[in-house]
Amino acid sequence: MTGVRWDAQRLDAEEPATLPGMPTMRGLLRSVQVPEFPGLTFHEVRSRSALNEVPGDSRMPFRWTINPYRGCSHACGYCYARSTHQWLELDTGRDFDTQVVVKTNLVDVLRRELARPSWRREHVALGTNTDPYQRAEGRYRLMPGVISALAGSGTPFSILTKGTLLRRDLPLLAAAARDVPVGLGVSLAIRDDELQASLEPGAPSPRARLELVRALTDAGLTCGVFLAPVLPGLTDRLADLDAALRAVAEAGATGVTVVPLHLRPGAREWFSAWLAREHPALVPRYRQLYRRGAVVAPEYRSWLAGRVGPLLTRYGLDGQAGGAARGVDGDSTPGGIPADGDRDFPSGSLPATRPAQVRPAPAPVGEQLALL
C-alpha cells in the first residue's frame, strides 16, 4: 500500500508514526486500535472538505452528502460501498470491515463550508456511503457537531442508518427538526437472526432497529424504513415480506422503500463468496438474475413489485392510508399486478413478461433518502 490516495485527506500534516506493521501514509495523522473495539483499526485523517457534491447525472434526489467515515464495521456482505475502499488502496473485503477512516476535523471544516456566502442551504444526505452511526461514532462523536452545524446554518438534511447509536442524538435531532426539514431512515434487510448474524455480523439486531424506529416516531420525528436489500431466495418469500412489513408498520414507520439487492463490483465478489459458502444451491440462480451486471433482472423487479404491492396496502404503507412509502427501488408501487400467493420467483428460465411500468413517487426534501 503506497498511501498515494491518502493525499486528498491531508491538510499538510506531518507524516506520523503508525502502528507496527502499518506503512507510512502521507496525510494520515495516526492509526489506532483500542480495547473497546477489538479487531478494528481507526485511521485518523484531516479532511480538506466535508461536503461532497453528487455528480450531475446521478439518480440521487439530493446534490450534497457528508461521509464522516470510510469503511464500516457493520461488515454487511452485500454493502454497495465496498468498492470505495479500493480508492484508498485497501481491499473491499476484510479491510472494508476493519480499516475505518475517520475524518477527525470534519465538523470544523463543515462549519467553514456552511458559512460561505456561496452556500445555498441545499439538502444534505448522510448515510449514502457508509453508516455515520457505526461503532466508530461511539468513540469520535462527530455526528452531534454535524447535526448542530447543519441545523444552525438552516440546511435541511437526512440520515440513513442501521446504527442504534442514533438514539444518543435523539434530543438534538428533535431540536434540529424545529429549525430545518429533517428526514430519518432506518435500513432493515433481514429479520431472521441467524441469517442477519451471518451476513451483517457487526450491525445491530433487527429488533433493535425496529425499536429505534419506534423511539424516533414516539419523539415526534418522521422515520422511514428501507427494506433493503431484498435478497432473492433468502428474504423474498411472501411470509418473510409480510412479517417484515407488518413489523415496520407496527413500529410506527412513516414510510417504507423496498430495494432488491444490487451487486456492484467489490460487493459482488464478497457477497458471491459468502453465498457459495453458505448457500451454494443458490449460486446458479444468482448468476442468472445478475447476468446483466449489478442490477437484478427487470423481470425479478416486476415480480417483487407484485408481491410487495398488496402488502403495502394491507399495512397502510401505500400512501393511500397516509404512508410515504415507495415500492421497488423507490418507485411507486405499480398498479394492476396480481398477488402471486406463495410462489417463489422461478429458479429456471426467467418469465417472458415485460417489467411493470413504475412511476416516480415524489417525497418532501426532508424525507428523500439515498437509494441503496
Protein backbone atom coordinates (compact mmCIF):
# COMPACT_ATOMS: atom_id res chain seq x y z
CA MET A 1 0.00 0.00 0.00
CA THR A 2 1.70 3.22 -1.14
CA GLY A 3 -0.65 5.70 0.53
CA VAL A 4 -0.81 7.95 -2.57
CA ARG A 5 -4.59 8.11 -2.43
CA TRP A 6 -4.50 9.45 1.11
CA ASP A 7 -3.13 12.80 -0.10
CA ALA A 8 -6.69 14.03 -0.71
CA GLN A 9 -7.35 13.68 3.02
CA ARG A 10 -4.41 15.80 4.18
CA LEU A 11 -4.00 19.36 5.40
CA ASP A 12 -0.20 19.45 5.16
CA ALA A 13 0.08 17.35 8.31
CA GLU A 14 3.41 15.90 9.27
CA GLU A 15 3.89 12.25 8.48
CA PRO A 16 3.14 10.41 11.71
CA ALA A 17 4.36 7.19 13.17
CA THR A 18 1.86 4.43 12.51
CA LEU A 19 1.13 1.16 14.22
CA PRO A 20 3.78 -1.55 13.97
CA GLY A 21 3.45 -3.28 10.63
CA MET A 22 1.49 -0.42 9.09
CA PRO A 23 3.03 1.54 6.20
CA THR A 24 3.65 5.28 6.40
CA MET A 25 0.88 7.23 4.68
CA ARG A 26 1.03 10.91 3.84
CA GLY A 27 -1.93 12.75 5.30
CA LEU A 28 -2.55 10.14 7.97
CA LEU A 29 -2.40 11.56 11.49
CA ARG A 30 -2.28 8.20 13.24
CA SER A 31 -3.67 4.67 13.22
CA VAL A 32 -5.09 3.41 16.48
CA GLN A 33 -6.53 0.23 17.94
CA VAL A 34 -8.44 0.42 21.19
CA PRO A 35 -9.68 -2.33 23.55
CA GLU A 36 -13.31 -1.19 23.27
CA PHE A 37 -13.33 -2.06 19.55
CA PRO A 38 -11.38 -5.31 19.12
CA GLY A 39 -10.38 -6.12 15.57
CA LEU A 40 -10.85 -2.57 14.29
CA THR A 41 -8.19 -0.10 13.23
CA PHE A 42 -9.13 3.57 13.05
CA HIS A 43 -7.10 5.69 10.63
CA GLU A 44 -7.44 9.29 11.77
CA VAL A 45 -7.10 11.80 8.95
CA ARG A 46 -7.65 15.51 8.43
CA SER A 47 -10.03 16.22 5.58
CA ARG A 48 -9.88 19.17 3.23
CA SER A 49 -13.65 19.17 2.69
CA ALA A 50 -16.79 17.93 4.39
CA LEU A 51 -19.47 18.49 1.76
CA ASN A 52 -19.31 16.15 -1.23
CA GLU A 53 -21.10 17.19 -4.41
CA VAL A 54 -23.08 14.42 -6.13
CA PRO A 55 -22.34 14.08 -9.89
CA GLY A 56 -24.87 15.88 -12.03
CA ASP A 57 -26.02 12.72 -13.81
CA SER A 58 -26.76 10.85 -10.57
CA ARG A 59 -30.26 9.48 -9.86
CA MET A 60 -30.00 10.58 -6.24
CA PRO A 61 -32.61 13.15 -5.17
CA PHE A 62 -30.06 15.39 -3.49
CA ARG A 63 -26.91 17.23 -4.52
CA TRP A 64 -24.74 17.07 -1.40
CA THR A 65 -23.55 14.36 1.01
CA ILE A 66 -21.36 14.10 4.10
CA ASN A 67 -19.38 10.96 4.99
CA PRO A 68 -17.70 11.15 8.41
CA TYR A 69 -16.21 7.65 7.96
CA ARG A 70 -14.93 5.41 5.19
CA GLY A 71 -15.21 1.68 5.66
CA CYS A 72 -17.82 0.25 8.01
CA SER A 73 -17.77 -2.08 11.00
CA HIS A 74 -21.31 -3.29 10.25
CA ALA A 75 -19.49 -5.65 7.84
CA CYS A 76 -22.58 -6.26 5.68
CA GLY A 77 -21.58 -8.73 2.99
CA TYR A 78 -23.73 -7.04 0.35
CA CYS A 79 -22.68 -3.41 1.02
CA TYR A 80 -22.58 -1.48 -2.24
CA ALA A 81 -19.95 0.95 -0.84
CA ARG A 82 -17.22 -1.69 -0.60
CA SER A 83 -15.60 -0.59 -3.85
CA THR A 84 -14.77 2.82 -2.33
CA HIS A 85 -12.01 1.21 -0.26
CA GLN A 86 -10.09 0.39 -3.43
CA TRP A 87 -9.59 4.13 -3.93
CA LEU A 88 -7.61 4.11 -0.68
CA GLU A 89 -5.64 1.08 -1.88
CA LEU A 90 -7.36 -1.13 0.69
CA ASP A 91 -9.30 -4.27 -0.21
CA THR A 92 -13.09 -4.40 -0.47
CA GLY A 93 -13.44 -7.37 1.85
CA ARG A 94 -11.86 -7.65 5.27
CA ASP A 95 -10.22 -4.21 5.05
CA PHE A 96 -13.56 -2.52 4.42
CA ASP A 97 -14.94 -4.15 7.57
CA THR A 98 -11.99 -3.46 9.85
CA GLN A 99 -9.96 -0.50 8.49
CA VAL A 100 -12.10 2.56 9.16
CA VAL A 101 -11.02 6.04 8.08
CA VAL A 102 -12.10 8.81 10.49
CA LYS A 103 -12.22 12.45 9.35
CA THR A 104 -11.29 13.93 12.71
CA ASN A 105 -11.62 17.57 11.70
CA LEU A 106 -14.90 17.10 9.84
CA VAL A 107 -17.05 19.38 12.00
CA ASP A 108 -14.66 22.32 11.85
CA VAL A 109 -14.34 22.02 8.07
CA LEU A 110 -18.12 21.69 7.70
CA ARG A 111 -18.80 24.84 9.71
CA ARG A 112 -16.45 26.80 7.46
CA GLU A 113 -18.11 25.48 4.32
CA LEU A 114 -21.63 26.20 5.58
CA ALA A 115 -20.60 29.78 6.45
CA ARG A 116 -19.55 30.59 2.89
CA PRO A 117 -21.75 33.18 1.14
CA SER A 118 -21.98 30.78 -1.82
CA TRP A 119 -23.67 28.04 0.26
CA ARG A 120 -27.35 27.86 -0.81
CA ARG A 121 -28.61 25.65 2.03
CA GLU A 122 -29.42 22.73 -0.24
CA HIS A 123 -30.43 19.37 1.20
CA VAL A 124 -27.53 17.28 2.55
CA ALA A 125 -27.74 13.47 2.90
CA LEU A 126 -25.78 11.32 5.37
CA GLY A 127 -25.52 7.55 5.25
CA THR A 128 -25.29 7.38 1.47
CA ASN A 129 -21.87 5.70 1.50
CA THR A 130 -21.03 4.23 4.90
CA ASP A 131 -23.03 4.45 8.11
CA PRO A 132 -22.47 7.62 10.19
CA TYR A 133 -23.66 5.73 13.29
CA GLN A 134 -21.34 2.74 13.00
CA ARG A 135 -19.24 1.76 16.02
CA ALA A 136 -16.55 4.39 15.38
CA GLU A 137 -19.09 7.11 16.15
CA GLY A 138 -19.21 5.91 19.75
CA ARG A 139 -15.57 6.92 20.09
CA TYR A 140 -15.30 10.01 17.88
CA ARG A 141 -18.75 11.62 18.37
CA LEU A 142 -18.73 13.50 15.07
CA MET A 143 -22.48 13.44 14.43
CA PRO A 144 -23.61 15.85 17.19
CA GLY A 145 -21.37 18.52 15.69
CA VAL A 146 -22.57 17.72 12.16
CA ILE A 147 -26.25 17.95 13.18
CA SER A 148 -25.72 21.21 15.06
CA ALA A 149 -23.76 22.75 12.18
CA LEU A 150 -26.39 21.84 9.58
CA ALA A 151 -29.36 22.95 11.65
CA GLY A 152 -27.60 26.12 12.79
CA SER A 153 -26.92 27.13 9.21
CA GLY A 154 -30.51 26.48 8.10
CA THR A 155 -29.54 23.46 5.98
CA PRO A 156 -32.08 20.61 5.63
CA PHE A 157 -30.65 17.12 5.93
CA SER A 158 -31.44 13.40 6.08
CA ILE A 159 -29.78 10.44 7.77
CA LEU A 160 -29.99 6.79 6.72
CA THR A 161 -28.58 4.30 9.23
CA LYS A 162 -28.55 0.83 10.70
CA GLY A 163 -26.93 2.21 13.85
CA THR A 164 -28.96 2.33 17.03
CA LEU A 165 -26.40 4.80 18.40
CA LEU A 166 -28.60 7.41 16.74
CA ARG A 167 -30.73 7.21 19.93
CA ARG A 168 -27.99 9.19 21.69
CA ASP A 169 -28.69 12.18 19.44
CA LEU A 170 -32.48 11.99 19.56
CA PRO A 171 -32.91 15.24 21.58
CA LEU A 172 -30.54 17.03 19.22
CA LEU A 173 -32.42 15.77 16.17
CA ALA A 174 -35.77 16.76 17.66
CA ALA A 175 -34.42 20.27 18.22
CA ALA A 176 -32.98 20.43 14.70
CA ALA A 177 -36.32 19.37 13.21
CA ARG A 178 -37.89 22.51 14.66
CA ASP A 179 -35.50 24.62 12.58
CA VAL A 180 -34.99 22.70 9.32
CA PRO A 181 -36.59 19.75 7.48
CA VAL A 182 -35.02 16.54 8.83
CA GLY A 183 -35.52 13.13 7.23
CA LEU A 184 -34.61 9.96 9.12
CA GLY A 185 -34.43 6.47 7.72
CA VAL A 186 -33.55 3.08 9.20
CA SER A 187 -32.24 0.33 6.94
CA LEU A 188 -33.55 -3.17 7.63
CA ALA A 189 -32.68 -6.00 5.29
CA ILE A 190 -33.10 -9.19 7.33
CA ARG A 191 -35.38 -10.20 10.20
CA ASP A 192 -34.10 -13.74 10.70
CA ASP A 193 -31.50 -13.56 13.49
CA GLU A 194 -29.29 -16.38 12.19
CA LEU A 195 -29.15 -15.02 8.63
CA GLN A 196 -28.60 -11.50 9.94
CA ALA A 197 -25.68 -12.61 12.12
CA SER A 198 -24.09 -14.34 9.14
CA LEU A 199 -24.48 -11.51 6.62
CA GLU A 200 -24.45 -8.41 8.86
CA PRO A 201 -22.21 -9.55 11.73
CA GLY A 202 -21.38 -6.07 13.03
CA ALA A 203 -24.81 -4.46 12.71
CA PRO A 204 -27.43 -4.07 15.45
CA SER A 205 -30.15 -6.73 15.55
CA PRO A 206 -33.37 -6.30 13.53
CA ARG A 207 -35.34 -5.96 16.78
CA ALA A 208 -33.05 -3.15 17.97
CA ARG A 209 -33.54 -1.29 14.69
CA LEU A 210 -37.31 -1.58 14.88
CA GLU A 211 -37.13 -0.27 18.45
CA LEU A 212 -35.13 2.67 17.08
CA VAL A 213 -37.93 3.40 14.60
CA ARG A 214 -40.44 3.39 17.45
CA ALA A 215 -38.25 5.67 19.58
CA LEU A 216 -37.94 8.18 16.76
CA THR A 217 -41.64 8.28 15.93
CA ASP A 218 -42.56 8.43 19.63
CA ALA A 219 -40.36 11.53 19.80
CA GLY A 220 -42.48 13.13 17.08
CA LEU A 221 -39.95 12.64 14.29
CA THR A 222 -40.75 11.12 10.91
CA CYS A 223 -38.84 7.91 10.23
CA GLY A 224 -38.99 5.80 7.11
CA VAL A 225 -37.66 2.27 6.71
CA PHE A 226 -35.61 0.97 3.82
CA LEU A 227 -36.47 -2.71 3.44
CA ALA A 228 -33.20 -3.15 1.66
CA PRO A 229 -31.76 -5.07 0.15
CA VAL A 230 -34.27 -7.83 -0.53
CA LEU A 231 -32.18 -10.96 -1.15
CA PRO A 232 -33.51 -13.34 -3.84
CA GLY A 233 -34.23 -16.78 -2.43
CA LEU A 234 -33.38 -15.68 1.10
CA THR A 235 -35.70 -12.86 2.19
CA ASP A 236 -38.24 -12.59 -0.63
CA ARG A 237 -40.68 -15.31 0.42
CA LEU A 238 -44.20 -13.97 0.86
CA ALA A 239 -44.22 -14.89 4.54
CA ASP A 240 -40.91 -13.06 5.10
CA LEU A 241 -42.04 -9.90 3.34
CA ASP A 242 -45.40 -9.99 5.13
CA ALA A 243 -43.75 -10.33 8.54
CA ALA A 244 -41.21 -7.59 7.79
CA LEU A 245 -43.75 -5.04 6.56
CA ARG A 246 -46.12 -5.85 9.41
CA ALA A 247 -43.31 -5.23 11.90
CA VAL A 248 -42.35 -1.99 10.14
CA ALA A 249 -45.93 -0.75 10.32
CA GLU A 250 -46.26 -1.75 13.99
CA ALA A 251 -43.06 0.18 14.77
CA GLY A 252 -44.78 3.33 13.52
CA ALA A 253 -42.69 3.92 10.39
CA THR A 254 -43.93 6.84 8.32
CA GLY A 255 -42.82 5.27 5.05
CA VAL A 256 -41.06 2.30 3.50
CA THR A 257 -38.94 1.80 0.40
CA VAL A 258 -38.28 -1.71 -0.91
CA VAL A 259 -35.00 -2.23 -2.77
CA PRO A 260 -33.78 -5.51 -4.29
CA LEU A 261 -30.12 -6.43 -3.92
CA HIS A 262 -27.62 -4.60 -6.13
CA LEU A 263 -24.31 -6.38 -6.72
CA ARG A 264 -21.81 -3.72 -7.71
CA PRO A 265 -18.10 -4.51 -8.13
CA GLY A 266 -16.50 -5.01 -4.74
CA ALA A 267 -19.74 -6.11 -3.14
CA ARG A 268 -20.36 -8.69 -5.86
CA GLU A 269 -17.16 -10.63 -5.17
CA TRP A 270 -17.54 -10.51 -1.39
CA PHE A 271 -21.24 -11.46 -1.40
CA SER A 272 -20.71 -14.18 -4.01
CA ALA A 273 -18.05 -15.80 -1.83
CA TRP A 274 -20.43 -15.74 1.13
CA LEU A 275 -23.26 -17.20 -0.99
CA ALA A 276 -21.08 -20.03 -2.32
CA ARG A 277 -20.02 -20.87 1.22
CA GLU A 278 -23.39 -20.58 2.99
CA HIS A 279 -26.00 -21.25 0.26
CA PRO A 280 -24.27 -22.96 -2.68
CA ALA A 281 -27.57 -24.15 -4.17
CA LEU A 282 -28.49 -20.51 -4.87
CA VAL A 283 -25.35 -19.70 -6.87
CA PRO A 284 -26.78 -20.63 -10.32
CA ARG A 285 -29.90 -18.62 -9.59
CA TYR A 286 -27.88 -15.51 -8.72
CA ARG A 287 -25.74 -15.90 -11.83
CA GLN A 288 -28.92 -15.83 -13.86
CA LEU A 289 -30.56 -12.95 -12.03
CA TYR A 290 -27.43 -10.77 -12.17
CA ARG A 291 -26.19 -11.85 -15.57
CA ARG A 292 -26.56 -8.27 -16.86
CA GLY A 293 -24.42 -6.70 -14.16
CA ALA A 294 -25.08 -5.03 -10.82
CA VAL A 295 -28.84 -4.63 -11.16
CA VAL A 296 -31.18 -7.61 -10.83
CA ALA A 297 -33.11 -8.71 -13.93
CA PRO A 298 -36.14 -6.47 -14.63
CA GLU A 299 -38.43 -9.50 -14.54
CA TYR A 300 -37.49 -10.06 -10.93
CA ARG A 301 -38.16 -6.43 -10.05
CA SER A 302 -41.60 -6.72 -11.61
CA TRP A 303 -42.29 -9.96 -9.73
CA LEU A 304 -41.14 -8.43 -6.45
CA ALA A 305 -43.27 -5.32 -7.00
CA GLY A 306 -46.31 -7.53 -7.50
CA ARG A 307 -45.57 -9.35 -4.28
CA VAL A 308 -44.92 -6.19 -2.24
CA GLY A 309 -47.79 -4.04 -3.54
CA PRO A 310 -50.69 -5.79 -1.78
CA LEU A 311 -48.69 -5.93 1.46
CA LEU A 312 -48.09 -2.18 1.42
CA THR A 313 -51.83 -1.70 1.07
CA ARG A 314 -52.63 -4.23 3.79
CA TYR A 315 -50.46 -2.44 6.34
CA GLY A 316 -51.36 1.11 5.36
CA LEU A 317 -47.96 1.81 3.86
CA ASP A 318 -49.06 2.51 0.30
CA GLY A 319 -49.71 6.23 0.53
CA GLN A 320 -53.49 5.77 0.33
CA ALA A 321 -53.55 5.47 4.11
CA GLY A 322 -51.19 8.36 4.68
CA GLY A 323 -47.93 6.48 4.28
CA ALA A 324 -44.97 7.91 2.41
CA ALA A 325 -43.88 4.53 1.12
CA ARG A 326 -42.39 3.71 -2.23
CA GLY A 327 -42.35 0.39 -3.97
CA VAL A 328 -39.43 -1.44 -5.52
CA ASP A 329 -36.30 0.70 -5.96
CA GLY A 330 -38.07 3.73 -4.55
CA ASP A 331 -40.73 3.90 -7.25
CA SER A 332 -44.42 3.96 -6.51
CA THR A 333 -45.97 0.53 -6.45
CA PRO A 334 -47.26 -0.48 -9.89
CA GLY A 335 -51.00 -0.90 -10.07
CA GLY A 336 -52.85 -3.86 -11.50
CA ILE A 337 -50.27 -6.54 -10.66
CA PRO A 338 -52.00 -9.54 -9.06
CA ALA A 339 -50.65 -11.09 -5.88
CA ASP A 340 -48.98 -14.42 -6.56
CA GLY A 341 -49.63 -16.36 -3.40
CA ASP A 342 -46.70 -18.36 -2.09
CA ARG A 343 -44.99 -18.95 -5.43
CA ASP A 344 -41.27 -18.22 -5.40
CA PHE A 345 -39.68 -16.44 -8.32
CA PRO A 346 -38.87 -19.31 -10.71
CA SER A 347 -35.31 -20.55 -10.48
CA GLY A 348 -35.34 -21.82 -14.06
CA SER A 349 -35.85 -19.60 -17.07
CA LEU A 350 -36.98 -16.05 -16.42
CA PRO A 351 -40.64 -15.36 -17.13
CA ALA A 352 -41.28 -13.95 -20.57
CA THR A 353 -43.20 -10.94 -19.29
CA ARG A 354 -42.44 -7.28 -19.69
CA PRO A 355 -41.47 -5.48 -16.50
CA ALA A 356 -44.27 -3.47 -14.97
CA GLN A 357 -44.20 0.25 -15.53
CA VAL A 358 -43.33 2.23 -12.44
CA ARG A 359 -43.93 5.88 -11.72
CA PRO A 360 -41.57 8.05 -9.67
CA ALA A 361 -43.04 8.95 -6.29
CA PRO A 362 -42.21 12.47 -5.09
CA ALA A 363 -41.20 12.95 -1.48
CA PRO A 364 -40.60 16.05 0.63
CA VAL A 365 -36.99 17.15 0.52
CA GLY A 366 -36.54 16.24 4.17
CA GLU A 367 -37.65 12.67 3.51
CA GLN A 368 -35.62 11.96 0.40
CA LEU A 369 -33.08 9.28 1.30
CA ALA A 370 -30.43 7.56 -0.76
CA LEU A 371 -31.41 4.52 -2.79
CA LEU A 372 -29.17 1.59 -1.98
